[in-house]
N, C-alpha and C. Protein backbone atom coordinates (compact mmCIF):
# COMPACT_ATOMS: atom_id res chain seq x y z
N MET A 1 100.85 115.12 114.52
CA MET A 1 100.30 116.07 114.01
C MET A 1 100.74 116.16 112.47
N PRO A 2 100.22 116.01 112.11
CA PRO A 2 100.94 116.83 110.31
C PRO A 2 100.97 117.83 110.40
N PRO A 3 102.06 118.68 109.72
CA PRO A 3 102.10 120.34 110.33
C PRO A 3 101.35 121.07 109.95
N GLN A 4 101.57 122.51 110.03
CA GLN A 4 100.87 123.23 109.33
C GLN A 4 100.94 124.10 108.39
N VAL A 5 100.83 124.76 106.82
CA VAL A 5 101.06 124.94 106.16
C VAL A 5 100.45 126.01 106.32
N THR A 6 101.78 127.75 106.01
CA THR A 6 101.52 128.91 106.12
C THR A 6 101.85 129.54 104.41
N GLU A 7 100.15 130.01 104.65
CA GLU A 7 100.86 130.92 102.42
C GLU A 7 100.84 132.44 103.08
N GLU A 8 101.58 132.38 102.39
CA GLU A 8 102.58 133.91 102.64
C GLU A 8 101.39 134.51 100.95
N VAL A 9 100.69 135.73 101.49
CA VAL A 9 100.17 137.22 100.83
C VAL A 9 100.87 137.80 100.33
N HIS A 10 100.81 137.97 98.47
CA HIS A 10 101.30 139.67 98.30
C HIS A 10 100.65 140.56 97.80
N PRO A 11 100.81 141.46 97.84
CA PRO A 11 100.25 142.43 96.37
C PRO A 11 99.84 141.51 95.43
N ALA A 12 98.69 142.97 95.36
CA ALA A 12 98.17 141.65 93.88
C ALA A 12 99.29 143.17 92.33
N PRO A 13 99.21 142.25 91.50
CA PRO A 13 100.47 142.97 90.91
C PRO A 13 99.61 143.53 89.64
N THR A 14 99.95 143.97 88.79
CA THR A 14 99.02 144.84 87.40
C THR A 14 99.55 143.74 86.13
N PHE A 15 98.30 142.80 85.34
CA PHE A 15 99.17 141.65 84.24
C PHE A 15 98.88 142.84 83.46
N LEU A 16 99.06 142.47 82.00
CA LEU A 16 98.24 143.13 80.66
C LEU A 16 99.19 141.82 79.61
N PHE A 17 98.01 141.29 79.16
CA PHE A 17 98.38 140.00 78.39
C PHE A 17 97.60 140.39 77.30
N VAL A 18 97.95 140.28 76.09
CA VAL A 18 97.83 140.50 74.70
C VAL A 18 97.95 138.87 74.33
N LEU A 19 97.09 138.43 74.09
CA LEU A 19 97.13 137.51 72.94
C LEU A 19 96.23 137.20 71.50
N SER A 20 96.33 136.88 70.55
CA SER A 20 96.44 136.51 69.51
C SER A 20 94.28 136.21 69.71
N GLY A 21 93.98 137.20 70.09
CA GLY A 21 92.28 137.00 69.88
C GLY A 21 91.69 137.75 70.80
N PHE A 22 92.33 137.78 71.99
CA PHE A 22 92.32 138.47 73.09
C PHE A 22 93.15 139.47 73.71
N ALA A 23 92.66 140.22 74.54
CA ALA A 23 93.83 141.55 75.41
C ALA A 23 92.80 141.78 76.91
N LEU A 24 93.34 141.02 77.54
CA LEU A 24 93.25 141.46 78.46
C LEU A 24 93.42 142.10 79.90
N GLN A 25 93.33 142.85 80.70
CA GLN A 25 94.24 144.55 81.59
C GLN A 25 92.96 143.14 83.30
N LEU A 26 94.39 142.83 83.47
CA LEU A 26 94.09 142.25 85.31
C LEU A 26 94.56 143.22 85.67
N THR A 27 93.96 143.90 86.74
CA THR A 27 94.31 145.08 87.75
C THR A 27 93.83 144.33 89.17
N ASP A 28 94.65 145.83 89.77
CA ASP A 28 94.67 145.17 91.27
C ASP A 28 92.85 145.18 91.73
N ASP A 29 92.17 146.21 91.38
CA ASP A 29 91.02 145.68 92.06
C ASP A 29 90.41 144.69 91.25
N GLU A 30 90.37 143.95 90.38
CA GLU A 30 89.63 143.07 90.17
C GLU A 30 90.23 141.91 90.55
N LEU A 31 91.92 141.32 91.17
CA LEU A 31 92.04 140.90 92.23
C LEU A 31 92.00 140.92 93.39
N ALA A 32 91.03 142.19 93.20
CA ALA A 32 90.20 142.03 94.57
C ALA A 32 88.91 141.40 94.95
N ALA A 33 88.58 141.84 93.67
CA ALA A 33 87.09 141.18 93.43
C ALA A 33 87.10 139.30 93.14
N SER A 34 88.41 138.90 93.26
CA SER A 34 88.37 137.66 92.66
C SER A 34 88.18 136.86 93.01
N THR A 35 87.44 135.46 93.83
CA THR A 35 87.56 134.91 94.37
C THR A 35 89.03 133.79 94.43
N ALA A 36 88.35 134.21 95.69
CA ALA A 36 89.67 132.64 96.18
C ALA A 36 89.63 130.83 96.61
N LYS A 37 90.33 129.40 95.67
CA LYS A 37 90.12 129.28 95.87
C LYS A 37 90.70 127.35 96.21
N THR A 38 90.81 127.25 97.13
CA THR A 38 92.06 127.12 98.06
C THR A 38 90.94 125.90 99.29
N ALA A 39 91.63 124.50 99.49
CA ALA A 39 91.72 123.75 100.08
C ALA A 39 91.51 124.03 101.65
N SER A 40 90.93 123.55 101.33
CA SER A 40 90.33 123.23 103.43
C SER A 40 92.02 123.58 104.17
N GLU A 41 91.55 123.49 105.33
CA GLU A 41 92.69 123.28 106.24
C GLU A 41 93.03 122.41 106.57
N ALA A 42 92.00 121.29 106.61
CA ALA A 42 92.55 119.45 106.97
C ALA A 42 93.34 118.99 105.34
N ALA A 43 92.87 119.12 104.34
CA ALA A 43 93.23 119.01 103.28
C ALA A 43 94.89 118.82 103.04
N ARG A 44 94.77 121.13 103.55
CA ARG A 44 96.51 121.12 103.28
C ARG A 44 97.16 120.34 104.94
N ARG A 45 96.67 120.27 105.90
CA ARG A 45 97.42 119.71 106.91
C ARG A 45 97.89 118.09 106.34
N TYR A 46 97.00 117.80 105.78
CA TYR A 46 97.26 115.73 105.39
C TYR A 46 97.93 116.08 103.74
N ALA A 47 97.78 117.23 103.72
CA ALA A 47 98.68 117.04 102.57
C ALA A 47 99.92 117.90 102.78
N GLY A 48 100.48 118.35 103.52
CA GLY A 48 102.22 118.87 103.84
C GLY A 48 102.07 117.30 105.27
N ALA A 49 101.20 117.03 105.64
CA ALA A 49 101.70 115.44 105.76
C ALA A 49 102.60 114.86 105.17
N LEU A 50 101.80 114.46 104.38
CA LEU A 50 102.14 113.07 102.98
C LEU A 50 103.56 114.32 101.96
N PHE A 51 103.00 115.37 101.92
CA PHE A 51 104.30 116.30 100.77
C PHE A 51 105.69 115.13 102.05
N ASP A 52 105.74 115.50 103.01
CA ASP A 52 107.55 115.83 103.77
C ASP A 52 107.41 113.83 103.70
N LEU A 53 106.39 113.20 103.97
CA LEU A 53 105.97 111.81 104.12
C LEU A 53 106.81 111.50 102.28
N ALA A 54 106.82 111.69 101.61
CA ALA A 54 106.73 111.41 99.86
C ALA A 54 108.27 111.84 99.68
N LYS A 55 108.02 113.11 100.50
CA LYS A 55 109.58 113.44 100.13
C LYS A 55 110.36 112.55 100.69
N GLY A 56 110.85 112.51 102.20
CA GLY A 56 111.16 111.50 103.29
C GLY A 56 111.73 110.41 102.92
N LYS A 57 110.58 109.64 101.57
CA LYS A 57 110.68 108.23 100.56
C LYS A 57 111.41 108.46 99.56
N GLY A 58 111.77 110.04 99.36
CA GLY A 58 111.92 110.18 97.48
C GLY A 58 111.25 109.75 96.61
N GLU A 59 109.39 110.07 97.08
CA GLU A 59 108.48 109.80 96.24
C GLU A 59 108.05 110.40 95.57
N LEU A 60 108.42 111.91 96.00
CA LEU A 60 107.31 112.59 95.55
C LEU A 60 107.04 112.73 93.49
N ALA A 61 107.20 112.52 93.31
CA ALA A 61 107.09 112.39 91.75
C ALA A 61 106.10 111.26 91.25
N THR A 62 106.23 110.77 92.19
CA THR A 62 105.35 109.63 92.60
C THR A 62 103.82 109.26 92.92
N VAL A 63 103.55 110.44 94.00
CA VAL A 63 102.84 110.06 94.47
C VAL A 63 102.18 111.91 93.91
N SER A 64 103.12 112.41 93.39
CA SER A 64 102.48 113.59 92.37
C SER A 64 101.22 113.19 91.35
N ALA A 65 102.11 111.63 90.72
CA ALA A 65 101.71 110.93 89.80
C ALA A 65 99.93 110.68 90.25
N ASP A 66 100.65 109.74 91.57
CA ASP A 66 99.21 108.78 91.45
C ASP A 66 97.94 109.62 91.94
N LEU A 67 98.24 110.98 92.80
CA LEU A 67 96.82 112.05 92.44
C LEU A 67 96.95 112.45 91.64
N SER A 68 97.57 112.42 90.36
CA SER A 68 96.66 113.17 89.65
C SER A 68 96.16 112.30 89.42
N THR A 69 96.81 111.04 88.79
CA THR A 69 95.58 109.67 88.83
C THR A 69 94.06 110.10 89.81
N LEU A 70 94.42 109.74 90.10
CA LEU A 70 93.10 109.59 91.19
C LEU A 70 92.61 111.03 90.99
N GLU A 71 92.39 112.65 90.70
CA GLU A 71 91.85 112.78 90.40
C GLU A 71 91.35 112.93 89.00
N THR A 72 91.64 111.76 88.21
CA THR A 72 91.12 111.66 87.14
C THR A 72 90.11 110.90 86.69
N LEU A 73 90.53 110.28 87.41
CA LEU A 73 89.49 108.95 87.97
C LEU A 73 88.20 110.10 89.08
N ALA A 74 87.87 110.87 89.24
CA ALA A 74 87.08 111.06 90.49
C ALA A 74 86.99 112.21 89.48
N ALA A 75 87.47 112.87 88.36
CA ALA A 75 86.80 113.34 87.43
C ALA A 75 85.50 112.81 86.66
N GLY A 76 85.78 111.52 86.02
CA GLY A 76 85.43 110.50 84.67
C GLY A 76 84.42 109.77 85.56
N SER A 77 84.37 109.58 87.08
CA SER A 77 83.25 108.34 87.58
C SER A 77 83.14 109.59 88.59
N PRO A 78 81.52 110.36 87.99
CA PRO A 78 80.50 110.51 89.33
C PRO A 78 79.99 109.76 90.92
N GLU A 79 80.61 108.27 90.39
CA GLU A 79 80.04 106.99 91.49
C GLU A 79 81.52 107.24 93.25
N LEU A 80 83.02 107.81 92.25
CA LEU A 80 84.37 107.72 92.65
C LEU A 80 83.92 109.05 94.08
N ALA A 81 83.33 109.71 93.12
CA ALA A 81 83.24 111.43 93.75
C ALA A 81 81.93 111.97 94.39
N ASN A 82 80.96 110.54 94.72
CA ASN A 82 80.21 110.21 95.61
C ASN A 82 80.26 109.72 96.88
N ALA A 83 81.10 109.06 96.29
CA ALA A 83 81.70 107.54 97.50
C ALA A 83 82.70 108.66 98.26
N MET A 84 83.63 109.73 97.69
CA MET A 84 83.76 111.07 98.88
C MET A 84 82.85 111.04 100.13
N ALA A 85 82.55 112.03 98.84
CA ALA A 85 81.57 113.53 99.79
C ALA A 85 80.69 112.79 100.09
N SER A 86 80.04 111.30 100.00
CA SER A 86 78.74 112.01 100.24
C SER A 86 78.85 110.72 101.83
N PRO A 87 77.85 111.48 102.96
CA PRO A 87 77.89 111.68 104.74
C PRO A 87 77.00 110.58 104.90
N ALA A 88 76.34 109.18 104.34
CA ALA A 88 75.86 108.21 104.25
C ALA A 88 76.51 107.32 103.83
N ILE A 89 77.11 107.55 103.26
CA ILE A 89 78.33 105.66 103.91
C ILE A 89 79.26 105.76 104.48
N SER A 90 79.76 104.49 105.03
CA SER A 90 80.17 104.02 106.59
C SER A 90 81.72 104.44 106.02
N ARG A 91 82.75 105.07 107.31
CA ARG A 91 83.80 105.07 106.71
C ARG A 91 84.54 103.45 106.06
N ASP A 92 84.11 102.96 107.27
CA ASP A 92 85.22 101.06 106.05
C ASP A 92 84.17 100.87 105.03
N ASP A 93 83.19 101.49 105.00
CA ASP A 93 82.49 100.86 103.42
C ASP A 93 83.82 101.69 102.75
N LYS A 94 83.64 103.30 102.78
CA LYS A 94 84.88 104.54 102.35
C LYS A 94 86.21 104.12 101.91
N VAL A 95 86.26 102.82 102.97
CA VAL A 95 87.74 103.39 103.20
C VAL A 95 88.36 101.93 102.30
N LYS A 96 87.77 101.00 102.66
CA LYS A 96 87.61 99.80 101.76
C LYS A 96 86.79 99.87 99.51
N ALA A 97 85.96 100.66 99.62
CA ALA A 97 86.05 100.97 98.17
C ALA A 97 86.92 102.18 97.52
N LEU A 98 87.25 102.95 98.19
CA LEU A 98 88.82 103.55 98.21
C LEU A 98 89.94 103.13 97.87
N VAL A 99 90.36 102.93 98.65
CA VAL A 99 91.97 102.04 98.83
C VAL A 99 90.77 99.89 97.66
N ALA A 100 90.26 100.16 97.38
CA ALA A 100 90.28 99.54 96.40
C ALA A 100 90.13 99.18 94.82
N ILE A 101 89.83 100.57 94.67
CA ILE A 101 90.54 101.86 93.64
C ILE A 101 91.35 102.36 92.75
N ALA A 102 92.28 102.10 94.96
CA ALA A 102 93.57 103.08 94.22
C ALA A 102 94.92 101.62 94.22
N GLU A 103 94.40 100.55 94.71
CA GLU A 103 95.00 99.55 94.18
C GLU A 103 94.92 98.64 93.27
N LYS A 104 93.55 99.40 92.17
CA LYS A 104 93.01 98.77 90.85
C LYS A 104 93.84 99.59 90.12
N ALA A 105 93.93 100.92 91.08
CA ALA A 105 94.52 101.09 89.63
C ALA A 105 96.02 101.76 89.48
N GLY A 106 96.67 100.44 90.02
CA GLY A 106 98.07 100.94 90.63
C GLY A 106 98.74 101.90 90.93
N LEU A 107 98.64 102.97 92.28
CA LEU A 107 99.02 103.48 92.96
C LEU A 107 99.95 103.33 93.41
N SER A 108 100.93 103.90 94.11
CA SER A 108 101.58 103.54 95.02
C SER A 108 100.77 103.17 96.86
N LYS A 109 101.71 102.16 97.05
CA LYS A 109 101.31 102.14 98.88
C LYS A 109 101.18 103.57 99.23
N THR A 110 101.82 104.28 99.72
CA THR A 110 102.39 105.38 99.94
C THR A 110 100.92 106.42 100.09
N THR A 111 100.71 105.90 98.55
CA THR A 111 99.15 106.84 98.75
C THR A 111 97.55 105.85 98.51
N ILE A 112 98.28 104.88 98.26
CA ILE A 112 97.00 104.11 98.77
C ILE A 112 97.21 103.88 100.03
N GLY A 113 97.97 104.46 101.34
CA GLY A 113 98.13 103.82 102.20
C GLY A 113 97.09 105.66 103.27
N PHE A 114 97.94 106.29 101.97
CA PHE A 114 97.61 108.42 102.25
C PHE A 114 95.81 108.22 101.86
N VAL A 115 95.46 107.59 101.06
CA VAL A 115 93.42 107.51 101.27
C VAL A 115 93.21 106.93 101.92
N GLY A 116 94.04 105.33 102.26
CA GLY A 116 93.10 105.67 103.56
C GLY A 116 92.61 105.68 104.32
N THR A 117 94.23 106.34 104.95
CA THR A 117 94.17 107.24 105.94
C THR A 117 92.62 108.55 106.55
N MET A 118 93.19 108.67 105.23
CA MET A 118 92.14 110.42 105.40
C MET A 118 90.78 108.91 105.68
N ALA A 119 90.26 108.16 104.48
CA ALA A 119 88.93 108.00 104.09
C ALA A 119 88.93 107.26 106.15
N GLN A 120 89.30 107.14 106.66
CA GLN A 120 89.63 105.64 107.98
C GLN A 120 89.20 107.29 108.98
N ASN A 121 89.83 108.27 108.83
CA ASN A 121 90.06 109.85 109.06
C ASN A 121 88.56 111.06 108.85
N GLY A 122 87.51 109.96 108.27
CA GLY A 122 86.19 110.94 107.78
C GLY A 122 86.77 112.09 106.85
N ARG A 123 87.80 112.73 106.60
CA ARG A 123 87.98 112.88 105.64
C ARG A 123 87.92 113.00 103.91
N ALA A 124 87.69 111.71 103.95
CA ALA A 124 87.25 111.37 102.17
C ALA A 124 87.01 112.43 100.90
N SER A 125 86.01 113.76 102.58
CA SER A 125 85.62 114.60 101.21
C SER A 125 86.59 115.20 100.76
N ASP A 126 87.98 115.70 101.94
CA ASP A 126 89.31 116.75 101.32
C ASP A 126 90.03 116.05 100.64
N LEU A 127 89.60 115.24 99.98
CA LEU A 127 91.13 114.11 99.20
C LEU A 127 91.63 115.36 97.90
N LEU A 128 90.89 115.48 97.51
CA LEU A 128 90.90 115.79 95.90
C LEU A 128 91.85 117.38 96.66
N GLY A 129 90.79 117.82 97.90
CA GLY A 129 92.04 119.04 98.07
C GLY A 129 93.25 119.03 98.99
N ALA A 130 93.28 118.02 99.17
CA ALA A 130 94.50 117.58 99.72
C ALA A 130 95.14 117.48 98.67
N SER A 131 94.66 116.53 97.72
CA SER A 131 95.72 116.33 96.30
C SER A 131 96.03 117.67 95.51
N ALA A 132 94.98 118.82 95.04
CA ALA A 132 95.12 119.87 95.20
C ALA A 132 96.34 120.71 95.28
N HIS A 133 96.57 120.75 97.01
CA HIS A 133 97.94 121.32 97.64
C HIS A 133 98.74 120.79 97.76
N PHE A 134 98.78 119.12 97.22
CA PHE A 134 100.65 118.78 97.67
C PHE A 134 101.14 119.32 95.62
N ASP A 135 100.23 119.64 95.02
CA ASP A 135 100.31 119.57 94.03
C ASP A 135 101.19 121.22 94.68
N THR A 136 100.31 122.25 94.83
CA THR A 136 101.15 123.45 95.39
C THR A 136 102.54 123.03 95.94
N LEU A 137 102.25 121.90 96.67
CA LEU A 137 103.59 121.98 97.51
C LEU A 137 105.00 121.51 96.59
N TYR A 138 104.22 120.52 95.76
CA TYR A 138 105.46 119.46 95.05
C TYR A 138 105.65 120.94 93.52
N ALA A 139 104.42 121.70 93.27
CA ALA A 139 105.19 122.90 92.01
C ALA A 139 106.56 123.39 93.10
N ALA A 140 106.14 124.11 94.01
CA ALA A 140 106.93 125.16 94.77
C ALA A 140 108.38 124.58 95.43
N GLU A 141 108.99 123.31 95.94
CA GLU A 141 109.59 122.60 95.00
C GLU A 141 110.28 122.69 94.46
N ARG A 142 109.92 122.75 93.79
CA ARG A 142 110.98 122.36 92.32
C ARG A 142 111.06 124.16 90.93
N GLY A 143 110.46 124.45 91.88
CA GLY A 143 110.11 126.48 91.72
C GLY A 143 109.66 126.85 90.45
N VAL A 144 108.91 125.90 90.70
CA VAL A 144 107.58 125.77 89.37
C VAL A 144 106.89 126.97 89.74
N LYS A 145 105.44 127.53 89.24
CA LYS A 145 104.12 128.14 89.89
C LYS A 145 103.38 127.91 89.01
N ARG A 146 102.47 127.23 89.10
CA ARG A 146 100.99 126.34 88.67
C ARG A 146 100.36 127.60 87.74
N ALA A 147 99.76 127.66 86.88
CA ALA A 147 98.45 128.45 87.16
C ALA A 147 97.16 127.60 85.30
N VAL A 148 96.06 128.10 85.50
CA VAL A 148 95.67 127.41 84.60
C VAL A 148 94.70 128.14 84.41
N ALA A 149 94.12 128.24 82.89
CA ALA A 149 93.23 129.52 81.92
C ALA A 149 92.36 128.78 81.56
N ARG A 150 91.24 129.70 81.54
CA ARG A 150 90.06 128.36 81.45
C ARG A 150 89.42 129.71 80.71
N THR A 151 89.09 129.64 78.91
CA THR A 151 88.77 129.95 77.69
C THR A 151 87.71 129.56 77.98
N ALA A 152 86.70 130.40 77.09
CA ALA A 152 85.10 129.98 76.55
C ALA A 152 85.96 129.21 74.71
N LYS A 153 86.67 128.89 74.08
CA LYS A 153 87.35 128.33 73.48
C LYS A 153 88.52 127.81 73.61
N ASP A 154 88.76 126.54 72.51
CA ASP A 154 90.49 127.04 73.04
C ASP A 154 91.36 127.50 72.32
N MET A 155 93.06 127.63 73.66
CA MET A 155 93.42 128.09 72.72
C MET A 155 94.79 127.79 72.28
N THR A 156 94.70 128.72 71.62
CA THR A 156 96.13 127.95 70.19
C THR A 156 97.49 127.90 71.07
N ALA A 157 97.83 127.17 70.00
CA ALA A 157 100.07 127.11 70.38
C ALA A 157 100.41 127.96 71.01
N ASP A 158 100.90 128.87 70.40
CA ASP A 158 100.81 130.07 70.01
C ASP A 158 100.44 130.83 71.10
N GLN A 159 98.89 131.09 71.17
CA GLN A 159 98.23 132.21 72.48
C GLN A 159 98.83 131.24 73.70
N ARG A 160 99.33 129.87 73.93
CA ARG A 160 99.23 128.82 74.94
C ARG A 160 100.83 129.44 74.61
N THR A 161 101.66 129.34 74.25
CA THR A 161 102.91 129.90 74.29
C THR A 161 103.37 131.06 75.01
N LYS A 162 102.73 131.86 75.04
CA LYS A 162 102.43 133.73 74.76
C LYS A 162 102.01 133.88 76.28
N LEU A 163 101.12 133.47 77.04
CA LEU A 163 100.69 133.91 78.25
C LEU A 163 101.74 133.03 78.77
N GLU A 164 102.07 131.99 78.68
CA GLU A 164 103.05 131.53 79.72
C GLU A 164 104.16 132.28 79.33
N ALA A 165 105.08 132.60 78.89
CA ALA A 165 105.78 132.93 78.60
C ALA A 165 106.09 134.53 79.54
N VAL A 166 104.75 134.99 79.54
CA VAL A 166 104.44 136.47 80.43
C VAL A 166 104.18 136.11 81.76
N LEU A 167 103.23 134.90 81.96
CA LEU A 167 103.86 134.82 83.22
C LEU A 167 104.79 133.95 84.21
N ALA A 168 105.11 133.82 83.22
CA ALA A 168 106.81 133.18 83.98
C ALA A 168 107.13 134.72 84.45
N LYS A 169 107.44 135.56 83.67
CA LYS A 169 108.28 136.86 83.50
C LYS A 169 107.41 137.78 84.76
N ALA A 170 106.39 137.57 84.75
CA ALA A 170 105.67 138.21 85.93
C ALA A 170 105.89 137.92 87.18
N VAL A 171 105.52 136.84 87.60
CA VAL A 171 105.59 135.63 88.39
C VAL A 171 107.50 135.44 89.22
N GLY A 172 107.55 135.60 87.90
CA GLY A 172 109.74 135.50 88.55
C GLY A 172 109.69 133.95 88.46
N SER A 173 109.00 133.60 88.11
CA SER A 173 110.26 131.40 87.92
C SER A 173 109.48 130.64 86.68
N ASP A 174 109.75 129.60 86.15
CA ASP A 174 108.38 128.80 85.23
C ASP A 174 107.35 128.45 86.01
N VAL A 175 106.62 128.57 84.83
CA VAL A 175 105.14 128.25 84.86
C VAL A 175 104.47 126.73 84.23
N GLU A 176 103.89 126.21 84.53
CA GLU A 176 103.45 124.88 84.36
C GLU A 176 101.65 125.70 84.38
N LEU A 177 101.95 125.49 83.12
CA LEU A 177 100.25 126.78 82.70
C LEU A 177 99.39 124.83 82.07
N GLU A 178 98.05 125.07 82.69
CA GLU A 178 97.27 123.64 81.95
C GLU A 178 95.82 124.90 81.82
N THR A 179 94.82 124.50 80.98
CA THR A 179 94.44 125.58 80.19
C THR A 179 92.43 124.40 80.05
N GLU A 180 91.74 125.28 79.93
CA GLU A 180 90.58 124.37 80.54
C GLU A 180 89.08 125.51 79.32
N VAL A 181 87.95 124.69 79.06
CA VAL A 181 87.15 124.72 77.65
C VAL A 181 85.91 125.14 78.48
N ASP A 182 85.56 126.67 78.40
CA ASP A 182 84.08 126.17 79.46
C ASP A 182 83.25 127.36 78.45
N PRO A 183 82.04 127.15 77.73
CA PRO A 183 81.69 128.03 76.43
C PRO A 183 80.79 129.19 77.14
N THR A 184 81.01 128.82 78.62
CA THR A 184 79.61 129.05 79.36
C THR A 184 80.54 130.88 79.81
N LEU A 185 81.33 130.93 79.50
CA LEU A 185 82.34 132.10 79.97
C LEU A 185 82.26 133.22 78.67
N VAL A 186 81.18 132.67 77.56
CA VAL A 186 81.13 133.37 76.36
C VAL A 186 82.61 134.93 76.27
N GLY A 187 83.01 135.15 76.59
CA GLY A 187 84.12 135.73 76.36
C GLY A 187 85.68 135.79 77.93
N GLY A 188 86.67 136.08 77.45
CA GLY A 188 87.38 136.86 77.85
C GLY A 188 88.23 134.65 78.88
N ILE A 189 88.77 135.15 79.46
CA ILE A 189 88.99 134.49 79.85
C ILE A 189 89.18 133.85 81.37
N GLN A 190 89.70 132.85 82.87
CA GLN A 190 90.11 133.01 83.91
C GLN A 190 90.81 132.04 83.88
N LEU A 191 91.77 132.78 84.65
CA LEU A 191 92.95 132.60 85.36
C LEU A 191 92.83 132.24 87.12
N ARG A 192 93.58 131.33 87.20
CA ARG A 192 94.19 130.58 88.34
C ARG A 192 95.56 130.58 88.74
N ILE A 193 96.54 131.18 89.45
CA ILE A 193 97.41 131.06 89.49
C ILE A 193 97.53 131.08 91.11
N GLY A 194 97.72 130.18 91.62
CA GLY A 194 97.68 129.83 92.91
C GLY A 194 96.35 129.39 93.83
N SER A 195 96.75 130.32 94.16
CA SER A 195 94.95 129.59 94.59
C SER A 195 94.44 130.62 93.95
N THR A 196 95.02 132.06 93.41
CA THR A 196 93.91 133.45 92.83
C THR A 196 93.71 133.29 92.26
N LEU A 197 91.90 133.59 91.62
CA LEU A 197 91.11 133.12 90.28
C LEU A 197 91.53 134.72 89.82
N ILE A 198 90.96 134.99 89.19
CA ILE A 198 91.01 136.29 87.93
C ILE A 198 89.94 136.24 87.31
N ASP A 199 88.86 136.13 87.62
CA ASP A 199 88.05 136.19 86.36
C ASP A 199 87.97 137.62 85.29
N ALA A 200 88.07 137.36 84.34
CA ALA A 200 87.84 138.65 83.41
C ALA A 200 87.07 138.17 82.21
N SER A 201 86.08 137.36 82.31
CA SER A 201 84.86 136.67 81.68
C SER A 201 83.98 137.61 81.01
N VAL A 202 83.10 137.79 79.69
CA VAL A 202 82.12 138.34 79.80
C VAL A 202 80.90 137.99 80.86
N ALA A 203 81.27 136.32 80.38
CA ALA A 203 80.01 136.08 80.97
C ALA A 203 79.42 136.44 83.18
N THR A 204 80.69 137.31 83.88
CA THR A 204 81.06 137.16 84.56
C THR A 204 80.23 138.35 85.09
N LYS A 205 81.61 139.26 84.29
CA LYS A 205 81.21 140.84 84.15
C LYS A 205 79.20 141.34 83.99
N ILE A 206 78.91 140.53 83.23
CA ILE A 206 77.20 140.49 83.34
C ILE A 206 75.81 139.53 84.56
N ASP A 207 77.68 139.41 85.35
CA ASP A 207 76.22 138.38 86.46
C ASP A 207 76.73 140.07 87.80
N ARG A 208 77.80 140.24 87.96
CA ARG A 208 78.00 141.53 88.21
C ARG A 208 77.32 142.56 88.10
N MET A 209 76.90 142.61 86.91
CA MET A 209 76.17 143.51 86.77
C MET A 209 74.57 143.92 86.95
N ASN A 210 74.31 142.07 86.73
CA ASN A 210 72.70 141.85 87.60
C ASN A 210 72.62 141.78 88.94
N THR A 211 73.80 141.34 89.15
CA THR A 211 73.41 141.18 90.94
C THR A 211 73.80 143.02 91.11
N ALA A 212 74.16 144.08 90.82
CA ALA A 212 74.14 145.07 91.19
C ALA A 212 72.88 146.36 91.09
N MET A 213 71.88 145.06 89.98
CA MET A 213 70.29 145.81 89.50
C MET A 213 69.71 145.62 90.52
N LYS A 214 70.55 144.98 90.65
CA LYS A 214 68.69 143.41 91.74
C LYS A 214 69.76 144.55 93.30
N GLY A 215 70.21 144.25 93.23
CA GLY A 215 69.90 144.94 94.19
C GLY A 215 70.52 146.65 94.71
N ALA A 216 70.11 147.54 93.41
CA ALA A 216 69.21 148.74 93.49
C ALA A 216 68.46 149.54 94.07
């Protein structure tokens, strides 16, 4: 059976980000009110098993790149995303389709076997979750924290550099930062560190106010 993966829970710190264009205070209360994006238990188990296998074969970097490619393909192809998630597609058809896509993309034999195994076991819908958790495990193996910053408009290079430096100091390790743009945020920032989503966007604050008013 693939190994279980447990996650430690640490007290939420208070961070202060002061970047050109916005200043953001992240408090314990905001962390407590945030939502967490986590992979399912099944996805974590499969990711753990793949991580152990890839580490034993000296293929961690290769498999990590493969999974990143798979995520990119799924993001750009509604058909592939549907093939992973749709319960109307039989397991055998999913195996054939996903393995064919993985082979065409030039993924390694280890990753192709992993994709086929998850599809055959009825876990194709957990592939992206497993990929995300593998990424977390691989980052931890290298002593790196992963963070994703989502803002209403593109961050400048200076803002990104400053945010990476502040995050590295806050978490006590190197940080690899990804940035995303979401105009619907209106303003502010959504910051995900590991599995914790800290949402300090104007749009979310308005939604919270509307929800509170409806419940009044």
